[in-house]
């Protein structure tokens, strides 16, 4: 569906954006592929890295901030599909700079919605996080608010009668992402001591490749208003420590402000709207125009039981220490760390 289409990625110089650009160039021949971000240096570096991959000369680089709706309007002109990946994502930074987190994650999301509607964009998928389900920190709260805005954007755009369609993709920790535990442990493994917040802690895990593939696939499936959740494995924080530095001493430092023992992607309250598919769940919109009667069953969906929840603790799929070690070694090879 991306052949000869114009695609824009907000936050396009981030980890997700760069991987998405590489995937799209590899699999499709878009008319234009626009990287929208506010960092001039990252755009320069990205241009140098993608010079040989952009065979059709379709890449464009727009400097801008999602806080600036006028600039978004200029960038969205003639765009068919938008992936909204721009956000402030670091939990401690959002706790310390709450006004800035709201300006980017909430008001910036509102600007993306309004610009997409006014410019005639066909479909928008916004990236969410497991921290948006039953949030306990400001980052999660801003992303939950953003999720609600994008779902309700379908009412503003009259998506049910041909307007711009908005959907959300929510997934867990991206393996080895900036600020995550894997690069932290890798940098500390020769010290002989690893600091762990709590031995009971669990997390969802997804590779960057899988996160990008899942998001791109959902452009075909979405009708507008869905929140898609992939079925992904969990891991125990102690197993990550054992995979990286099995001989290291573990020092427990306690849970940080805004942190949970276990993450959640579907709450019990969302279960009445949740549908299970073979490889993912979808939380359907509670909107008057959305009529899914018969559609879900026809494409292999099954209603989730009431009081169902999907958390990193109650997951049925877990990464073993050996599986974690293999994934971490792949990360080490890609990012220049010595293999385990």
Protein backbone atom coordinates (compact mmCIF):
# COMPACT_ATOMS: atom_id res chain seq x y z
CA UNK A 1 0.00 0.00 0.00
CA UNK A 2 3.01 2.31 0.24
CA UNK A 3 3.93 2.03 -3.44
CA UNK A 4 4.13 5.52 -5.01
CA UNK A 5 2.66 7.07 -1.84
CA UNK A 6 3.99 9.87 0.33
CA UNK A 7 4.82 8.82 3.89
CA UNK A 8 5.92 11.07 6.76
CA UNK A 9 7.49 10.00 10.06
CA UNK A 10 7.50 12.45 12.95
CA UNK A 11 10.53 11.93 15.15
CA UNK A 12 12.04 10.29 12.09
CA UNK A 13 15.66 10.54 13.26
CA UNK A 14 15.01 8.39 16.35
CA UNK A 15 15.66 4.66 16.61
CA UNK A 16 12.19 3.72 15.38
CA UNK A 17 12.25 6.30 12.59
CA UNK A 18 15.59 5.18 11.19
CA UNK A 19 14.58 1.53 11.23
CA UNK A 20 11.22 2.35 9.63
CA UNK A 21 12.91 4.33 6.86
CA UNK A 22 15.25 1.42 6.16
CA UNK A 23 12.34 -1.06 6.04
CA UNK A 24 10.21 1.10 3.77
CA UNK A 25 13.09 1.71 1.34
CA UNK A 26 13.85 -2.02 1.31
CA UNK A 27 10.28 -3.23 0.70
CA UNK A 28 8.54 -0.42 -1.20
CA UNK A 29 9.04 2.36 -3.72
CA UNK A 30 7.35 5.39 -2.16
CA UNK A 31 6.87 8.64 -4.01
CA UNK A 32 8.30 10.53 -1.04
CA UNK A 33 9.49 9.45 2.40
CA UNK A 34 9.67 12.46 4.70
CA UNK A 35 11.72 12.55 7.89
CA UNK A 36 10.30 15.22 10.21
CA UNK A 37 12.35 16.08 13.31
CA UNK A 38 13.88 19.01 15.15
CA UNK A 39 17.52 17.85 15.29
CA UNK A 40 19.63 19.23 12.45
CA UNK A 41 22.69 17.12 13.30
CA UNK A 42 20.74 13.84 13.40
CA UNK A 43 19.22 14.66 10.01
CA UNK A 44 22.67 15.36 8.58
CA UNK A 45 23.99 12.05 9.93
CA UNK A 46 20.94 10.21 8.64
CA UNK A 47 21.35 11.67 5.15
CA UNK A 48 24.93 10.40 5.06
CA UNK A 49 23.89 6.94 6.24
CA UNK A 50 21.01 6.59 3.77
CA UNK A 51 22.62 8.08 0.64
CA UNK A 52 23.29 4.65 -0.90
CA UNK A 53 19.95 3.16 0.17
CA UNK A 54 17.73 5.85 -1.34
CA UNK A 55 17.77 4.46 -4.89
CA UNK A 56 14.71 6.41 -6.02
CA UNK A 57 15.76 9.70 -4.44
CA UNK A 58 12.53 9.80 -2.42
CA UNK A 59 13.90 10.84 1.00
CA UNK A 60 13.12 14.34 2.22
CA UNK A 61 14.20 15.96 5.49
CA UNK A 62 12.03 18.55 7.22
CA UNK A 63 13.31 20.38 10.28
CA UNK A 64 10.39 21.14 12.57
CA UNK A 65 8.77 20.53 15.94
CA UNK A 66 5.39 18.89 16.49
CA UNK A 67 4.67 21.75 18.91
CA UNK A 68 4.50 24.00 15.82
CA UNK A 69 1.20 23.28 14.04
CA UNK A 70 1.91 25.67 11.16
CA UNK A 71 5.11 23.80 10.33
CA UNK A 72 3.24 20.49 10.52
CA UNK A 73 0.66 21.85 8.08
CA UNK A 74 3.44 22.64 5.62
CA UNK A 75 5.05 19.24 6.07
CA UNK A 76 1.76 17.29 5.79
CA UNK A 77 0.77 18.90 2.51
CA UNK A 78 0.31 16.06 -0.02
CA UNK A 79 1.11 13.31 2.51
CA UNK A 80 -0.84 10.03 2.36
CA UNK A 81 0.31 8.26 5.54
CA UNK A 82 1.84 9.45 8.81
CA UNK A 83 3.68 7.50 11.51
CA UNK A 84 3.74 9.60 14.66
CA UNK A 85 6.86 8.57 16.58
CA UNK A 86 7.95 11.91 18.06
CA UNK A 87 7.74 12.11 21.85
CA UNK A 88 9.59 12.81 25.06
CA UNK A 89 10.13 9.24 26.28
CA UNK A 90 12.47 9.24 29.27
CA UNK A 91 10.52 8.72 32.52
CA UNK A 92 12.90 10.73 34.79
CA UNK A 93 13.14 13.59 32.27
CA UNK A 94 9.35 13.82 32.03
CA UNK A 95 9.02 13.78 35.83
CA UNK A 96 11.53 16.62 36.12
CA UNK A 97 10.16 18.62 33.14
CA UNK A 98 6.39 18.01 33.32
CA UNK A 99 5.29 21.07 31.34
CA UNK A 100 7.63 20.11 28.47
CA UNK A 101 6.32 16.53 28.43
CA UNK A 102 2.75 17.81 28.13
CA UNK A 103 3.65 20.30 25.39
CA UNK A 104 5.27 17.60 23.26
CA UNK A 105 3.32 14.42 24.01
CA UNK A 106 -0.17 15.86 24.44
CA UNK A 107 -0.33 19.22 22.66
CA UNK A 108 2.06 17.98 19.97
CA UNK A 109 -0.23 15.01 19.39
CA UNK A 110 -3.20 17.37 19.07
CA UNK A 111 -1.27 19.36 16.45
CA UNK A 112 -0.55 16.17 14.46
CA UNK A 113 -4.25 15.25 14.48
CA UNK A 114 -5.46 18.68 13.39
CA UNK A 115 -2.79 19.04 10.69
CA UNK A 116 -3.57 15.55 9.32
CA UNK A 117 -7.29 16.32 9.09
CA UNK A 118 -6.81 19.71 7.45
CA UNK A 119 -4.24 18.42 4.96
CA UNK A 120 -6.28 15.38 3.87
CA UNK A 121 -3.91 12.69 5.17
CA UNK A 122 -5.47 9.25 4.66
CA UNK A 123 -4.16 7.32 7.68
CA UNK A 124 -2.16 8.06 10.82
CA UNK A 125 -0.70 5.57 13.30
CA UNK A 126 0.60 6.93 16.60
CA UNK A 127 3.11 4.99 18.68
CA UNK A 128 2.22 4.38 22.32
CA UNK A 129 3.83 2.52 25.22
CA UNK A 130 2.93 -0.06 27.85
CA UNK A 131 3.41 2.75 30.38
CA UNK A 132 0.19 4.33 29.07
CA UNK A 133 -1.96 1.53 30.53
CA UNK A 134 -2.87 2.39 34.15
CA UNK A 135 -0.04 4.96 34.25
CA UNK A 136 1.87 5.79 37.42
CA UNK A 137 4.31 8.29 35.91
CA UNK A 138 3.88 11.48 33.90
CA UNK A 139 5.29 9.96 30.72
CA UNK A 140 2.67 7.21 30.81
CA UNK A 141 -0.07 9.71 31.65
CA UNK A 142 0.82 11.95 28.71
CA UNK A 143 0.86 8.96 26.35
CA UNK A 144 -2.51 7.73 27.63
CA UNK A 145 -3.88 11.21 26.96
CA UNK A 146 -2.29 11.13 23.51
CA UNK A 147 -3.82 7.70 22.80
CA UNK A 148 -7.27 9.03 23.69
CA UNK A 149 -6.79 12.05 21.44
CA UNK A 150 -5.81 9.91 18.44
CA UNK A 151 -8.72 7.51 18.95
CA UNK A 152 -11.17 10.40 19.25
CA UNK A 153 -9.54 12.08 16.24
CA UNK A 154 -11.63 9.69 14.14
CA UNK A 155 -14.77 11.53 15.26
CA UNK A 156 -13.32 14.91 14.34
CA UNK A 157 -12.27 13.66 10.91
CA UNK A 158 -15.49 11.71 10.25
CA UNK A 159 -13.35 8.60 9.65
CA UNK A 160 -16.49 6.48 9.38
CA UNK A 161 -17.48 8.34 6.21
CA UNK A 162 -14.12 8.55 4.47
CA UNK A 163 -12.14 11.04 6.56
CA UNK A 164 -8.65 10.57 7.94
CA UNK A 165 -8.32 7.34 9.94
CA UNK A 166 -6.32 7.30 13.18
CA UNK A 167 -5.06 4.24 15.08
CA UNK A 168 -2.58 3.56 17.87
CA UNK A 169 0.09 0.88 18.28
CA UNK A 170 1.10 0.05 21.87
CA UNK A 171 4.06 -2.20 22.64
CA UNK A 172 6.55 -2.91 25.43
CA UNK A 173 10.22 -2.10 25.95
CA UNK A 174 12.20 -2.07 22.72
CA UNK A 175 15.17 -4.35 23.27
CA UNK A 176 18.28 -2.25 23.86
CA UNK A 177 16.57 1.09 23.26
CA UNK A 178 18.21 4.27 24.49
CA UNK A 179 18.14 4.49 28.29
CA UNK A 180 17.00 0.87 28.73
CA UNK A 181 18.50 -1.75 31.03
CA UNK A 182 20.48 -3.70 28.41
CA UNK A 183 22.96 -0.97 27.39
CA UNK A 184 23.12 0.06 31.06
CA UNK A 185 24.13 -3.46 32.12
CA UNK A 186 26.53 -3.83 29.18
CA UNK A 187 28.34 -0.66 30.22
CA UNK A 188 28.58 -1.89 33.82
CA UNK A 189 29.32 -5.60 33.34
CA UNK A 190 33.09 -5.25 33.86
CA UNK A 191 32.60 -3.46 37.18
CA UNK A 192 31.66 -6.68 38.95
CA UNK A 193 28.47 -5.15 40.34
CA UNK A 194 25.09 -4.59 38.65
CA UNK A 195 22.44 -2.40 40.26
CA UNK A 196 18.89 -3.76 40.09
CA UNK A 197 15.82 -1.93 41.36
CA UNK A 198 13.83 -4.98 42.48
CA UNK A 199 14.35 -8.72 41.97
CA UNK A 200 10.64 -9.26 41.20
CA UNK A 201 10.56 -6.84 38.27
CA UNK A 202 9.33 -8.03 34.85
CA UNK A 203 9.00 -6.30 31.50
CA UNK A 204 7.61 -6.93 28.01
CA UNK A 205 10.22 -7.10 25.26
CA UNK A 206 10.11 -6.46 21.52
CA UNK A 207 12.90 -6.01 18.99
CA UNK A 208 13.05 -2.82 16.96
CA UNK A 209 12.58 -4.85 13.76
CA UNK A 210 9.39 -6.42 15.10
CA UNK A 211 8.05 -3.08 16.36
CA UNK A 212 8.48 -1.50 12.93
CA UNK A 213 7.02 -4.49 11.05
CA UNK A 214 4.02 -4.59 13.39
CA UNK A 215 3.33 -0.88 12.87
CA UNK A 216 3.63 -0.98 9.09
CA UNK A 217 1.36 -4.04 8.87
CA UNK A 218 -1.41 -2.27 10.78
CA UNK A 219 -1.85 0.36 8.07
CA UNK A 220 -3.52 -2.37 6.00
CA UNK A 221 -5.73 -3.66 8.84
CA UNK A 222 -6.90 -0.45 10.49
CA UNK A 223 -10.33 1.08 9.95
CA UNK A 224 -9.79 3.92 12.41
CA UNK A 225 -10.02 3.92 16.20
CA UNK A 226 -8.22 0.67 17.01
CA UNK A 227 -5.44 0.34 19.55
CA UNK A 228 -3.22 -2.57 18.47
CA UNK A 229 -1.14 -4.57 20.96
CA UNK A 230 1.33 -7.25 19.77
CA UNK A 231 1.72 -10.57 21.56
CA UNK A 232 5.31 -10.38 22.78
CA UNK A 233 7.36 -12.21 25.43
CA UNK A 234 8.22 -11.05 28.93
CA UNK A 235 11.51 -11.25 30.76
CA UNK A 236 12.66 -11.08 34.37
CA UNK A 237 15.11 -8.32 35.16
CA UNK A 238 17.35 -10.75 37.04
CA UNK A 239 17.53 -13.00 33.96
CA UNK A 240 18.88 -10.06 31.93
CA UNK A 241 21.54 -9.51 34.58
CA UNK A 242 22.47 -13.20 34.52
CA UNK A 243 22.64 -13.24 30.71
CA UNK A 244 24.99 -10.24 30.58
CA UNK A 245 27.18 -10.70 33.67
CA UNK A 246 26.50 -14.04 35.39
CA UNK A 247 29.37 -13.57 37.85
CA UNK A 248 28.49 -10.04 38.87
CA UNK A 249 27.21 -9.17 42.32
CA UNK A 250 23.65 -7.80 42.35
CA UNK A 251 23.01 -4.66 44.38
CA UNK A 252 19.35 -3.78 44.98
CA UNK A 253 18.61 -0.05 45.00
CA UNK A 254 14.80 0.06 45.16
CA UNK A 255 12.17 1.10 42.63
CA UNK A 256 12.66 4.57 41.17
CA UNK A 257 9.92 7.23 41.19
CA UNK A 258 7.32 6.50 38.50
CA UNK A 259 8.40 2.88 38.03
CA UNK A 260 6.26 -0.28 38.26
CA UNK A 261 7.13 -3.83 39.25
CA UNK A 262 5.24 -5.14 36.20
CA UNK A 263 4.03 -3.43 33.05
CA UNK A 264 0.53 -3.72 31.58
CA UNK A 265 -0.69 -3.31 28.00
CA UNK A 266 -4.38 -4.20 28.40
CA UNK A 267 -6.15 -3.44 31.67
CA UNK A 268 -9.18 -5.27 33.04
CA UNK A 269 -11.29 -2.21 32.29
CA UNK A 270 -10.26 -2.39 28.62
CA UNK A 271 -11.05 -6.11 28.36
CA UNK A 272 -14.70 -5.59 27.34
CA UNK A 273 -13.46 -3.82 24.20
CA UNK A 274 -10.50 -6.13 23.54
CA UNK A 275 -10.33 -8.75 20.81
CA UNK A 276 -7.69 -11.46 20.53
CA UNK A 277 -6.09 -12.46 17.24
CA UNK A 278 -3.35 -15.02 16.59
CA UNK A 279 -0.44 -12.59 16.93
CA UNK A 280 -1.96 -9.50 18.50
CA UNK A 281 -4.83 -7.92 20.42
CA UNK A 282 -6.97 -4.99 19.35
CA UNK A 283 -8.81 -2.68 21.72
CA UNK A 284 -11.75 -1.45 19.68
CA UNK A 285 -13.04 2.11 19.92
CA UNK A 286 -16.11 2.82 22.00
CA UNK A 287 -17.39 5.23 19.36
CA UNK A 288 -20.97 5.49 18.08
CA UNK A 289 -20.03 5.22 14.39
CA UNK A 290 -17.75 2.18 14.81
CA UNK A 291 -19.78 -0.91 13.98
CA UNK A 292 -17.73 -4.09 14.12
CA UNK A 293 -20.68 -6.50 14.09
CA UNK A 294 -19.48 -9.68 12.37
CA UNK A 295 -16.20 -8.14 11.21
CA UNK A 296 -14.05 -9.45 14.04
CA UNK A 297 -15.22 -13.04 13.80
CA UNK A 298 -14.86 -12.97 10.02
CA UNK A 299 -11.14 -12.19 10.25
CA UNK A 300 -10.37 -14.63 13.03
CA UNK A 301 -10.86 -12.49 16.11
CA UNK A 302 -12.15 -13.70 19.48
CA UNK A 303 -13.62 -11.50 22.20
CA UNK A 304 -11.49 -11.38 25.34
CA UNK A 305 -13.09 -12.54 28.57
CA UNK A 306 -14.28 -9.94 31.04
CA UNK A 307 -11.62 -9.04 33.58
CA UNK A 308 -8.90 -10.22 31.20
CA UNK A 309 -5.65 -8.30 31.48
CA UNK A 310 -2.35 -8.53 29.62
CA UNK A 311 0.61 -7.82 31.87
CA UNK A 312 4.30 -8.70 31.86
CA UNK A 313 3.66 -10.75 35.00
CA UNK A 314 0.72 -12.87 33.72
CA UNK A 315 2.17 -13.40 30.25
CA UNK A 316 2.31 -16.98 28.95
CA UNK A 317 5.48 -16.42 26.89
CA UNK A 318 8.84 -15.80 28.61
CA UNK A 319 12.37 -15.28 27.35
CA UNK A 320 14.89 -17.70 28.86
CA UNK A 321 18.40 -16.63 29.83
CA UNK A 322 19.78 -18.31 26.69
CA UNK A 323 17.21 -16.56 24.48
CA UNK A 324 18.01 -13.24 26.12
CA UNK A 325 21.72 -13.86 25.57
CA UNK A 326 21.17 -14.46 21.84
CA UNK A 327 19.10 -11.29 21.47
CA UNK A 328 21.63 -9.27 23.43
CA UNK A 329 24.49 -10.60 21.29
CA UNK A 330 22.60 -9.49 18.16
CA UNK A 331 22.30 -6.05 19.78
CA UNK A 332 26.02 -6.06 20.64
CA UNK A 333 26.99 -6.83 17.04
CA UNK A 334 24.77 -4.04 15.70
CA UNK A 335 25.89 -1.38 18.16
CA UNK A 336 29.57 -2.22 18.62
CA UNK A 337 29.61 -3.86 22.06
CA UNK A 338 31.79 -6.95 22.68
CA UNK A 339 29.63 -10.06 22.42
CA UNK A 340 28.85 -11.97 25.61
